[in-house]
Amino acid sequence: MNTAELIDHVASTDEKLTKAQTKALVDSILKALTDAAARGEEINLPGFGKFKVQAKPARTGRNPSTGAAIEIAASKKVVFQPAKALKDAVNG
């Protein structure tokens, strides 16, 4: 499911919202989640899961074509931990 499909689904389940209103709502939610992650906050959506920001330290890697050592800069990544309800829904 992509963003357009999500907007269509939400708009079809609620007759009070137009597609334009639903798009604005979905965009607002995604922006709030993105802003929270950028601040390093944990995002907890009960029944769905948690998004966490993890720091990855700098490390030495290898260039696969030459085998030369390269330095990989420190970075942050977002990881998702699904809730039990989501796992149960996926596994039937």
PDB file of N, CA and C in Angstrom:
ATOM      1  N   MET A   1       0.854  -1.176   0.000  1.00  0.00           N
ATOM      2  CA  MET A   1       0.000   0.000   0.000  1.00  0.00           C
ATOM      3  C   MET A   1       0.898   1.237   0.000  1.00  0.00           C
ATOM      4  N   ASN A   2       0.595   2.149  -0.888  1.00  0.00           N
ATOM      5  CA  ASN A   2       1.332   3.406  -0.914  1.00  0.00           C
ATOM      6  C   ASN A   2       0.449   4.526  -0.358  1.00  0.00           C
ATOM      7  N   THR A   3       0.955   5.749  -0.358  1.00  0.00           N
ATOM      8  CA  THR A   3       0.222   6.868   0.230  1.00  0.00           C
ATOM      9  C   THR A   3      -1.106   7.117  -0.481  1.00  0.00           C
ATOM     10  N   ALA A   4      -1.112   7.051  -1.799  1.00  0.00           N
ATOM     11  CA  ALA A   4      -2.352   7.287  -2.549  1.00  0.00           C
ATOM     12  C   ALA A   4      -3.400   6.232  -2.219  1.00  0.00           C
ATOM     13  N   GLU A   5      -2.981   4.984  -2.101  1.00  0.00           N
ATOM     14  CA  GLU A   5      -3.919   3.916  -1.744  1.00  0.00           C
ATOM     15  C   GLU A   5      -4.434   4.096  -0.313  1.00  0.00           C
ATOM     16  N   LEU A   6      -3.576   4.540   0.585  1.00  0.00           N
ATOM     17  CA  LEU A   6      -4.000   4.813   1.959  1.00  0.00           C
ATOM     18  C   LEU A   6      -5.039   5.928   1.989  1.00  0.00           C
ATOM     19  N   ILE A   7      -4.796   6.983   1.238  1.00  0.00           N
ATOM     20  CA  ILE A   7      -5.744   8.101   1.174  1.00  0.00           C
ATOM     21  C   ILE A   7      -7.081   7.629   0.606  1.00  0.00           C
ATOM     22  N   ASP A   8      -7.053   6.851  -0.465  1.00  0.00           N
ATOM     23  CA  ASP A   8      -8.290   6.328  -1.048  1.00  0.00           C
ATOM     24  C   ASP A   8      -9.052   5.464  -0.050  1.00  0.00           C
ATOM     25  N   HIS A   9      -8.333   4.616   0.668  1.00  0.00           N
ATOM     26  CA  HIS A   9      -8.984   3.720   1.634  1.00  0.00           C
ATOM     27  C   HIS A   9      -9.634   4.514   2.771  1.00  0.00           C
ATOM     28  N   VAL A  10      -8.903   5.468   3.333  1.00  0.00           N
ATOM     29  CA  VAL A  10      -9.446   6.257   4.445  1.00  0.00           C
ATOM     30  C   VAL A  10     -10.626   7.093   3.975  1.00  0.00           C
ATOM     31  N   ALA A  11     -10.517   7.691   2.798  1.00  0.00           N
ATOM     32  CA  ALA A  11     -11.605   8.514   2.269  1.00  0.00           C
ATOM     33  C   ALA A  11     -12.854   7.677   2.004  1.00  0.00           C
ATOM     34  N   SER A  12     -12.676   6.428   1.583  1.00  0.00           N
ATOM     35  CA  SER A  12     -13.836   5.584   1.288  1.00  0.00           C
ATOM     36  C   SER A  12     -14.520   5.051   2.550  1.00  0.00           C
ATOM     37  N   THR A  13     -13.812   5.040   3.681  1.00  0.00           N
ATOM     38  CA  THR A  13     -14.416   4.527   4.914  1.00  0.00           C
ATOM     39  C   THR A  13     -15.135   5.608   5.709  1.00  0.00           C
ATOM     40  N   ASP A  14     -14.926   6.871   5.363  1.00  0.00           N
ATOM     41  CA  ASP A  14     -15.574   7.971   6.085  1.00  0.00           C
ATOM     42  C   ASP A  14     -16.197   8.930   5.076  1.00  0.00           C
ATOM     43  N   GLU A  15     -17.515   8.942   5.019  1.00  0.00           N
ATOM     44  CA  GLU A  15     -18.205   9.789   4.036  1.00  0.00           C
ATOM     45  C   GLU A  15     -18.073  11.283   4.334  1.00  0.00           C
ATOM     46  N   LYS A  16     -17.634  11.647   5.540  1.00  0.00           N
ATOM     47  CA  LYS A  16     -17.517  13.055   5.911  1.00  0.00           C
ATOM     48  C   LYS A  16     -16.244  13.698   5.378  1.00  0.00           C
ATOM     49  N   LEU A  17     -15.268  12.875   5.006  1.00  0.00           N
ATOM     50  CA  LEU A  17     -13.995  13.410   4.528  1.00  0.00           C
ATOM     51  C   LEU A  17     -13.882  13.284   3.009  1.00  0.00           C
ATOM     52  N   THR A  18     -13.465  14.376   2.384  1.00  0.00           N
ATOM     53  CA  THR A  18     -13.179  14.327   0.954  1.00  0.00           C
ATOM     54  C   THR A  18     -11.757  13.782   0.784  1.00  0.00           C
ATOM     55  N   LYS A  19     -11.396  13.450  -0.445  1.00  0.00           N
ATOM     56  CA  LYS A  19     -10.033  12.969  -0.694  1.00  0.00           C
ATOM     57  C   LYS A  19      -9.011  14.055  -0.372  1.00  0.00           C
ATOM     58  N   ALA A  20      -9.339  15.308  -0.674  1.00  0.00           N
ATOM     59  CA  ALA A  20      -8.422  16.413  -0.395  1.00  0.00           C
ATOM     60  C   ALA A  20      -8.209  16.568   1.115  1.00  0.00           C
ATOM     61  N   GLN A  21      -9.289  16.453   1.887  1.00  0.00           N
ATOM     62  CA  GLN A  21      -9.173  16.546   3.343  1.00  0.00           C
ATOM     63  C   GLN A  21      -8.381  15.364   3.889  1.00  0.00           C
ATOM     64  N   THR A  22      -8.634  14.183   3.343  1.00  0.00           N
ATOM     65  CA  THR A  22      -7.922  12.988   3.781  1.00  0.00           C
ATOM     66  C   THR A  22      -6.440  13.100   3.449  1.00  0.00           C
ATOM     67  N   LYS A  23      -6.109  13.611   2.257  1.00  0.00           N
ATOM     68  CA  LYS A  23      -4.710  13.793   1.870  1.00  0.00           C
ATOM     69  C   LYS A  23      -4.025  14.750   2.832  1.00  0.00           C
ATOM     70  N   ALA A  24      -4.686  15.849   3.172  1.00  0.00           N
ATOM     71  CA  ALA A  24      -4.112  16.809   4.111  1.00  0.00           C
ATOM     72  C   ALA A  24      -3.893  16.170   5.485  1.00  0.00           C
ATOM     73  N   LEU A  25      -4.837  15.343   5.914  1.00  0.00           N
ATOM     74  CA  LEU A  25      -4.727  14.651   7.195  1.00  0.00           C
ATOM     75  C   LEU A  25      -3.562  13.673   7.193  1.00  0.00           C
ATOM     76  N   VAL A  26      -3.468  12.851   6.168  1.00  0.00           N
ATOM     77  CA  VAL A  26      -2.384  11.864   6.072  1.00  0.00           C
ATOM     78  C   VAL A  26      -1.033  12.578   5.986  1.00  0.00           C
ATOM     79  N   ASP A  27      -0.940  13.628   5.173  1.00  0.00           N
ATOM     80  CA  ASP A  27       0.313  14.379   5.060  1.00  0.00           C
ATOM     81  C   ASP A  27       0.710  14.982   6.404  1.00  0.00           C
ATOM     82  N   SER A  28      -0.265  15.486   7.150  1.00  0.00           N
ATOM     83  CA  SER A  28       0.001  16.069   8.460  1.00  0.00           C
ATOM     84  C   SER A  28       0.510  15.017   9.442  1.00  0.00           C
ATOM     85  N   ILE A  29      -0.092  13.845   9.430  1.00  0.00           N
ATOM     86  CA  ILE A  29       0.341  12.758  10.317  1.00  0.00           C
ATOM     87  C   ILE A  29       1.757  12.326   9.960  1.00  0.00           C
ATOM     88  N   LEU A  30       2.039  12.139   8.681  1.00  0.00           N
ATOM     89  CA  LEU A  30       3.375  11.715   8.259  1.00  0.00           C
ATOM     90  C   LEU A  30       4.431  12.764   8.602  1.00  0.00           C
ATOM     91  N   LYS A  31       4.082  14.043   8.475  1.00  0.00           N
ATOM     92  CA  LYS A  31       5.018  15.117   8.834  1.00  0.00           C
ATOM     93  C   LYS A  31       5.292  15.099  10.330  1.00  0.00           C
ATOM     94  N   ALA A  32       4.253  14.897  11.145  1.00  0.00           N
ATOM     95  CA  ALA A  32       4.442  14.839  12.595  1.00  0.00           C
ATOM     96  C   ALA A  32       5.343  13.668  12.980  1.00  0.00           C
ATOM     97  N   LEU A  33       5.146  12.509  12.338  1.00  0.00           N
ATOM     98  CA  LEU A  33       5.977  11.347  12.618  1.00  0.00           C
ATOM     99  C   LEU A  33       7.424  11.595  12.187  1.00  0.00           C
ATOM    100  N   THR A  34       7.606  12.209  11.025  1.00  0.00           N
ATOM    101  CA  THR A  34       8.944  12.524  10.523  1.00  0.00           C
ATOM    102  C   THR A  34       9.657  13.506  11.440  1.00  0.00           C
ATOM    103  N   ASP A  35       8.940  14.539  11.885  1.00  0.00           N
ATOM    104  CA  ASP A  35       9.532  15.532  12.782  1.00  0.00           C
ATOM    105  C   ASP A  35       9.939  14.903  14.110  1.00  0.00           C
ATOM    106  N   ALA A  36       9.101  14.018  14.642  1.00  0.00           N
ATOM    107  CA  ALA A  36       9.426  13.337  15.903  1.00  0.00           C
ATOM    108  C   ALA A  36      10.667  12.462  15.742  1.00  0.00           C
ATOM    109  N   ALA A  37      10.760  11.738  14.642  1.00  0.00           N
ATOM    110  CA  ALA A  37      11.929  10.894  14.394  1.00  0.00           C
ATOM    111  C   ALA A  37      13.180  11.747  14.223  1.00  0.00           C
ATOM    112  N   ALA A  38      13.059  12.888  13.558  1.00  0.00           N
ATOM    113  CA  ALA A  38      14.206  13.776  13.359  1.00  0.00           C
ATOM    114  C   ALA A  38      14.721  14.315  14.695  1.00  0.00           C
ATOM    115  N   ARG A  39      13.827  14.459  15.673  1.00  0.00           N
ATOM    116  CA  ARG A  39      14.223  14.897  17.013  1.00  0.00           C
ATOM    117  C   ARG A  39      14.760  13.737  17.853  1.00  0.00           C
ATOM    118  N   GLY A  40      14.723  12.524  17.316  1.00  0.00           N
ATOM    119  CA  GLY A  40      15.227  11.363  18.034  1.00  0.00           C
ATOM    120  C   GLY A  40      14.223  10.741  18.981  1.00  0.00           C
ATOM    121  N   GLU A  41      12.963  11.118  18.872  1.00  0.00           N
ATOM    122  CA  GLU A  41      11.926  10.597  19.755  1.00  0.00           C
ATOM    123  C   GLU A  41      11.459   9.217  19.296  1.00  0.00           C
ATOM    124  N   GLU A  42      11.019   8.416  20.270  1.00  0.00           N
ATOM    125  CA  GLU A  42      10.396   7.129  19.956  1.00  0.00           C
ATOM    126  C   GLU A  42       8.935   7.398  19.605  1.00  0.00           C
ATOM    127  N   ILE A  43       8.452   6.763  18.558  1.00  0.00           N
ATOM    128  CA  ILE A  43       7.064   6.922  18.128  1.00  0.00           C
ATOM    129  C   ILE A  43       6.347   5.613  18.430  1.00  0.00           C
ATOM    130  N   ASN A  44       5.395   5.663  19.340  1.00  0.00           N
ATOM    131  CA  ASN A  44       4.684   4.464  19.778  1.00  0.00           C
ATOM    132  C   ASN A  44       3.236   4.537  19.296  1.00  0.00           C
ATOM    133  N   LEU A  45       2.857   3.597  18.445  1.00  0.00           N
ATOM    134  CA  LEU A  45       1.494   3.511  17.944  1.00  0.00           C
ATOM    135  C   LEU A  45       0.904   2.194  18.480  1.00  0.00           C
ATOM    136  N   PRO A  46       0.183   2.241  19.611  1.00  0.00           N
ATOM    137  CA  PRO A  46      -0.324   1.010  20.230  1.00  0.00           C
ATOM    138  C   PRO A  46      -1.134   0.171  19.246  1.00  0.00           C
ATOM    139  N   GLY A  47      -0.865  -1.132  19.255  1.00  0.00           N
ATOM    140  CA  GLY A  47      -1.544  -2.043  18.353  1.00  0.00           C
ATOM    141  C   GLY A  47      -0.889  -2.136  16.993  1.00  0.00           C
ATOM    142  N   PHE A  48       0.031  -1.223  16.687  1.00  0.00           N
ATOM    143  CA  PHE A  48       0.740  -1.239  15.404  1.00  0.00           C
ATOM    144  C   PHE A  48       2.229  -1.484  15.605  1.00  0.00           C
ATOM    145  N   GLY A  49       2.882  -0.640  16.403  1.00  0.00           N
ATOM    146  CA  GLY A  49       4.295  -0.839  16.672  1.00  0.00           C
ATOM    147  C   GLY A  49       4.997   0.423  17.095  1.00  0.00           C
ATOM    148  N   LYS A  50       6.318   0.328  17.186  1.00  0.00           N
ATOM    149  CA  LYS A  50       7.154   1.452  17.607  1.00  0.00           C
ATOM    150  C   LYS A  50       8.203   1.737  16.546  1.00  0.00           C
ATOM    151  N   PHE A  51       8.455   3.018  16.328  1.00  0.00           N
ATOM    152  CA  PHE A  51       9.561   3.466  15.498  1.00  0.00           C
ATOM    153  C   PHE A  51      10.590   4.068  16.448  1.00  0.00           C
ATOM    154  N   LYS A  52      11.835   3.615  16.337  1.00  0.00           N
ATOM    155  CA  LYS A  52      12.899   4.119  17.192  1.00  0.00           C
ATOM    156  C   LYS A  52      14.050   4.591  16.322  1.00  0.00           C
ATOM    157  N   VAL A  53      14.761   5.605  16.811  1.00  0.00           N
ATOM    158  CA  VAL A  53      15.951   6.100  16.126  1.00  0.00           C
ATOM    159  C   VAL A  53      17.160   5.488  16.824  1.00  0.00           C
ATOM    160  N   GLN A  54      18.018   4.849  16.056  1.00  0.00           N
ATOM    161  CA  GLN A  54      19.227   4.240  16.601  1.00  0.00           C
ATOM    162  C   GLN A  54      20.453   4.890  15.984  1.00  0.00           C
ATOM    163  N   ALA A  55      21.445   5.145  16.821  1.00  0.00           N
ATOM    164  CA  ALA A  55      22.709   5.703  16.343  1.00  0.00           C
ATOM    165  C   ALA A  55      23.610   4.566  15.890  1.00  0.00           C
ATOM    166  N   LYS A  56      24.186   4.714  14.729  1.00  0.00           N
ATOM    167  CA  LYS A  56      25.138   3.742  14.202  1.00  0.00           C
ATOM    168  C   LYS A  56      26.511   4.408  14.229  1.00  0.00           C
ATOM    169  N   PRO A  57      27.474   3.825  14.938  1.00  0.00           N
ATOM    170  CA  PRO A  57      28.796   4.459  15.037  1.00  0.00           C
ATOM    171  C   PRO A  57      29.577   4.373  13.721  1.00  0.00           C
ATOM    172  N   ALA A  58      30.579   5.214  13.619  1.00  0.00           N
ATOM    173  CA  ALA A  58      31.471   5.161  12.461  1.00  0.00           C
ATOM    174  C   ALA A  58      32.204   3.829  12.484  1.00  0.00           C
ATOM    175  N   ARG A  59      32.514   3.321  11.304  1.00  0.00           N
ATOM    176  CA  ARG A  59      33.200   2.033  11.242  1.00  0.00           C
ATOM    177  C   ARG A  59      34.021   1.943   9.953  1.00  0.00           C
ATOM    178  N   THR A  60      34.854   0.952   9.911  1.00  0.00           N
ATOM    179  CA  THR A  60      35.660   0.705   8.725  1.00  0.00           C
ATOM    180  C   THR A  60      35.001  -0.398   7.914  1.00  0.00           C
ATOM    181  N   GLY A  61      34.852  -0.152   6.623  1.00  0.00           N
ATOM    182  CA  GLY A  61      34.259  -1.137   5.722  1.00  0.00           C
ATOM    183  C   GLY A  61      35.227  -1.446   4.592  1.00  0.00           C
ATOM    184  N   ARG A  62      34.773  -2.225   3.654  1.00  0.00           N
ATOM    185  CA  ARG A  62      35.609  -2.594   2.502  1.00  0.00           C
ATOM    186  C   ARG A  62      34.869  -2.274   1.209  1.00  0.00           C
ATOM    187  N   ASN A  63      35.596  -1.736   0.253  1.00  0.00           N
ATOM    188  CA  ASN A  63      35.059  -1.524  -1.081  1.00  0.00           C
ATOM    189  C   ASN A  63      34.955  -2.900  -1.735  1.00  0.00           C
ATOM    190  N   PRO A  64      33.744  -3.338  -2.125  1.00  0.00           N
ATOM    191  CA  PRO A  64      33.613  -4.687  -2.662  1.00  0.00           C
ATOM    192  C   PRO A  64      34.365  -4.930  -3.971  1.00  0.00           C
ATOM    193  N   SER A  65      34.582  -3.904  -4.755  1.00  0.00           N
ATOM    194  CA  SER A  65      35.256  -4.126  -6.036  1.00  0.00           C
ATOM    195  C   SER A  65      36.780  -4.128  -5.902  1.00  0.00           C
ATOM    196  N   THR A  66      37.327  -3.320  -4.978  1.00  0.00           N
ATOM    197  CA  THR A  66      38.783  -3.247  -4.859  1.00  0.00           C
ATOM    198  C   THR A  66      39.305  -3.891  -3.580  1.00  0.00           C
ATOM    199  N   GLY A  67      38.464  -4.042  -2.594  1.00  0.00           N
ATOM    200  CA  GLY A  67      38.901  -4.602  -1.317  1.00  0.00           C
ATOM    201  C   GLY A  67      39.570  -3.579  -0.422  1.00  0.00           C
ATOM    202  N   ALA A  68      39.657  -2.332  -0.878  1.00  0.00           N
ATOM    203  CA  ALA A  68      40.302  -1.284  -0.093  1.00  0.00           C
ATOM    204  C   ALA A  68      39.434  -0.920   1.113  1.00  0.00           C
ATOM    205  N   ALA A  69      40.100  -0.590   2.214  1.00  0.00           N
ATOM    206  CA  ALA A  69      39.386  -0.177   3.421  1.00  0.00           C
ATOM    207  C   ALA A  69      38.849   1.233   3.221  1.00  0.00           C
ATOM    208  N   ILE A  70      37.601   1.446   3.661  1.00  0.00           N
ATOM    209  CA  ILE A  70      36.994   2.773   3.598  1.00  0.00           C
ATOM    210  C   ILE A  70      36.351   3.074   4.940  1.00  0.00           C
ATOM    211  N   GLU A  71      36.286   4.352   5.265  1.00  0.00           N
ATOM    212  CA  GLU A  71      35.635   4.769   6.506  1.00  0.00           C
ATOM    213  C   GLU A  71      34.173   5.062   6.217  1.00  0.00           C
ATOM    214  N   ILE A  72      33.290   4.457   6.992  1.00  0.00           N
ATOM    215  CA  ILE A  72      31.855   4.694   6.875  1.00  0.00           C
ATOM    216  C   ILE A  72      31.472   5.609   8.024  1.00  0.00           C
ATOM    217  N   ALA A  73      30.890   6.752   7.702  1.00  0.00           N
ATOM    218  CA  ALA A  73      30.565   7.768   8.702  1.00  0.00           C
ATOM    219  C   ALA A  73      29.470   7.289   9.652  1.00  0.00           C
ATOM    220  N   ALA A  74      29.463   7.868  10.843  1.00  0.00           N
ATOM    221  CA  ALA A  74      28.398   7.591  11.805  1.00  0.00           C
ATOM    222  C   ALA A  74      27.080   8.109  11.238  1.00  0.00           C
ATOM    223  N   SER A  75      25.994   7.431  11.574  1.00  0.00           N
ATOM    224  CA  SER A  75      24.681   7.848  11.073  1.00  0.00           C
ATOM    225  C   SER A  75      23.597   7.409  12.048  1.00  0.00           C
ATOM    226  N   LYS A  76      22.397   7.814  11.758  1.00  0.00           N
ATOM    227  CA  LYS A  76      21.241   7.383  12.524  1.00  0.00           C
ATOM    228  C   LYS A  76      20.306   6.641  11.585  1.00  0.00           C
ATOM    229  N   LYS A  77      19.588   5.652  12.125  1.00  0.00           N
ATOM    230  CA  LYS A  77      18.615   4.953  11.299  1.00  0.00           C
ATOM    231  C   LYS A  77      17.346   4.756  12.112  1.00  0.00           C
ATOM    232  N   VAL A  78      16.244   4.637  11.407  1.00  0.00           N
ATOM    233  CA  VAL A  78      14.953   4.403  12.048  1.00  0.00           C
ATOM    234  C   VAL A  78      14.649   2.909  11.926  1.00  0.00           C
ATOM    235  N   VAL A  79      14.315   2.296  13.062  1.00  0.00           N
ATOM    236  CA  VAL A  79      13.956   0.880  13.066  1.00  0.00           C
ATOM    237  C   VAL A  79      12.512   0.751  13.534  1.00  0.00           C
ATOM    238  N   PHE A  80      11.846  -0.277  13.051  1.00  0.00           N
ATOM    239  CA  PHE A  80      10.448  -0.523  13.395  1.00  0.00           C
ATOM    240  C   PHE A  80      10.349  -1.822  14.164  1.00  0.00           C
ATOM    241  N   GLN A  81       9.620  -1.772  15.279  1.00  0.00           N
ATOM    242  CA  GLN A  81       9.358  -2.970  16.079  1.00  0.00           C
ATOM    243  C   GLN A  81       7.848  -3.164  16.092  1.00  0.00           C
ATOM    244  N   PRO A  82       7.334  -4.173  15.400  1.00  0.00           N
ATOM    245  CA  PRO A  82       5.882  -4.362  15.335  1.00  0.00           C
ATOM    246  C   PRO A  82       5.296  -4.768  16.689  1.00  0.00           C
ATOM    247  N   ALA A  83       4.057  -4.345  16.921  1.00  0.00           N
ATOM    248  CA  ALA A  83       3.332  -4.708  18.132  1.00  0.00           C
ATOM    249  C   ALA A  83       2.817  -6.145  17.994  1.00  0.00           C
ATOM    250  N   LYS A  84       2.497  -6.751  19.116  1.00  0.00           N
ATOM    251  CA  LYS A  84       2.002  -8.115  19.115  1.00  0.00           C
ATOM    252  C   LYS A  84       0.726  -8.221  18.279  1.00  0.00           C
ATOM    253  N   ALA A  85      -0.160  -7.233  18.375  1.00  0.00           N
ATOM    254  CA  ALA A  85      -1.413  -7.273  17.612  1.00  0.00           C
ATOM    255  C   ALA A  85      -1.143  -7.312  16.101  1.00  0.00           C
ATOM    256  N   LEU A  86      -0.148  -6.554  15.638  1.00  0.00           N
ATOM    257  CA  LEU A  86       0.202  -6.560  14.218  1.00  0.00           C
ATOM    258  C   LEU A  86       0.811  -7.907  13.820  1.00  0.00           C
ATOM    259  N   LYS A  87       1.711  -8.420  14.649  1.00  0.00           N
ATOM    260  CA  LYS A  87       2.299  -9.738  14.359  1.00  0.00           C
ATOM    261  C   LYS A  87       1.210 -10.808  14.266  1.00  0.00           C
ATOM    262  N   ASP A  88       0.266 -10.788  15.210  1.00  0.00           N
ATOM    263  CA  ASP A  88      -0.810 -11.778  15.207  1.00  0.00           C
ATOM    264  C   ASP A  88      -1.687 -11.636  13.966  1.00  0.00           C
ATOM    265  N   ALA A  89      -1.973 -10.401  13.540  1.00  0.00           N
ATOM    266  CA  ALA A  89      -2.787 -10.174  12.351  1.00  0.00           C
ATOM    267  C   ALA A  89      -2.101 -10.697  11.093  1.00  0.00           C
ATOM    268  N   VAL A  90      -0.787 -10.494  11.009  1.00  0.00           N
ATOM    269  CA  VAL A  90      -0.040 -10.946   9.837  1.00  0.00           C
ATOM    270  C   VAL A  90       0.062 -12.463   9.806  1.00  0.00           C
ATOM    271  N   ASN A  91       0.223 -13.061  10.967  1.00  0.00           N
ATOM    272  CA  ASN A  91       0.395 -14.520  11.044  1.00  0.00           C
ATOM    273  C   ASN A  91      -0.912 -15.290  11.128  1.00  0.00           C
ATOM    274  N   GLY A  92      -2.025 -14.582  11.070  1.00  0.00           N
ATOM    275  CA  GLY A  92      -3.333 -15.248  11.037  1.00  0.00           C
ATOM    276  C   GLY A  92      -3.809 -15.597  12.371  1.00  0.00           C
TER     277      GLY A  92
END
